[in-house]
Amino acid sequence: MAVFLAAAALIVAIIALTRTDATPTYSEAQRSEAQARLCDRYKLAAQAVHLETTGPDGDVALARIANTNGALILATAASDPALEVKFRDAAQALATSYQTVTAMGTMGKSDPQFVAAIDDSNAKYQVMRDLCGD
């Protein structure tokens, strides 16, 4: 029995020593590159959303496409594991707000819930703008 326990203890010790850390670490350059990529993608998405949702022509279909595409662009860029949490969370929050605006768009411009969704999206846009600049 003692031999069995000693062998089991040896196996556990070997496994513990060879186990890799589950949380990867990233260099400052990798984190900086991830942030730059996210901010570039955010600026592209935000510009398209702004142009299609505030333009004088007011094409609802193009506005919804811009919001949907903007959400996808942000969600994809936010998936980079080298990103700092504050950048990832802000991008995901803005992506979700773009999706909400698109889904609620059928309610009409004067609907209080739609107006609240727009206000929320604008606030989340401002957070990303503060993080990434103009």
Foldseek 3Di string as FASTA:
>chain_A
DVVVVVVVVVVVVVCVVPDDDPDDADDPVLQVVLLVQLLVLLVVLVVQLCCQCVPPVNDLVSNLVSLQVSLVSLQVSLVPSSYDPLSSVLSNQLSVLSVVLSVCVVVDPPDPVNVVSVVSNVVSSVSSCVVNPD
